[in-house]
Protein backbone atom coordinates (compact mmCIF):
# COMPACT_ATOMS: atom_id res chain seq x y z
CA MET A 1 -79.19 33.13 -44.78
CA LYS A 2 -77.67 36.42 -44.94
CA HIS A 3 -74.54 36.64 -45.87
CA THR A 4 -71.84 38.91 -43.88
CA THR A 5 -71.25 42.16 -45.34
CA ARG A 6 -69.54 41.91 -48.64
CA LYS A 7 -65.66 42.54 -48.56
CA THR A 8 -63.81 43.96 -51.16
CA THR A 9 -60.69 42.93 -49.95
CA PRO A 10 -58.04 40.94 -51.89
CA GLU A 11 -59.23 37.87 -49.12
CA ALA A 12 -62.34 37.87 -50.36
CA LYS A 13 -61.59 37.92 -54.28
CA ARG A 14 -59.09 35.17 -53.89
CA GLU A 15 -61.99 32.74 -51.86
CA THR A 16 -64.22 33.65 -54.99
CA LEU A 17 -61.33 32.81 -57.33
CA ARG A 18 -60.91 29.69 -55.48
CA ARG A 19 -64.33 28.73 -55.63
CA ARG A 20 -64.74 29.15 -59.35
CA GLN A 21 -61.84 26.99 -59.49
CA VAL A 22 -62.95 24.29 -57.83
CA ARG A 23 -66.38 24.34 -59.70
CA ALA A 24 -64.46 24.02 -62.96
CA ILE A 25 -62.26 21.26 -61.75
CA LYS A 26 -65.90 19.66 -60.15
CA THR A 27 -66.98 19.74 -63.81
CA LEU A 28 -64.29 18.67 -65.61
CA VAL A 29 -64.02 15.33 -63.52
CA LYS A 30 -67.33 14.78 -64.16
């Protein structure tokens, strides 16, 4: 699966940060 052209917009950065936070929270919960 190829990801759409990478975007350097703030939206993409925000999504990445959110994903990181979710992952960290999951690890903590676990």
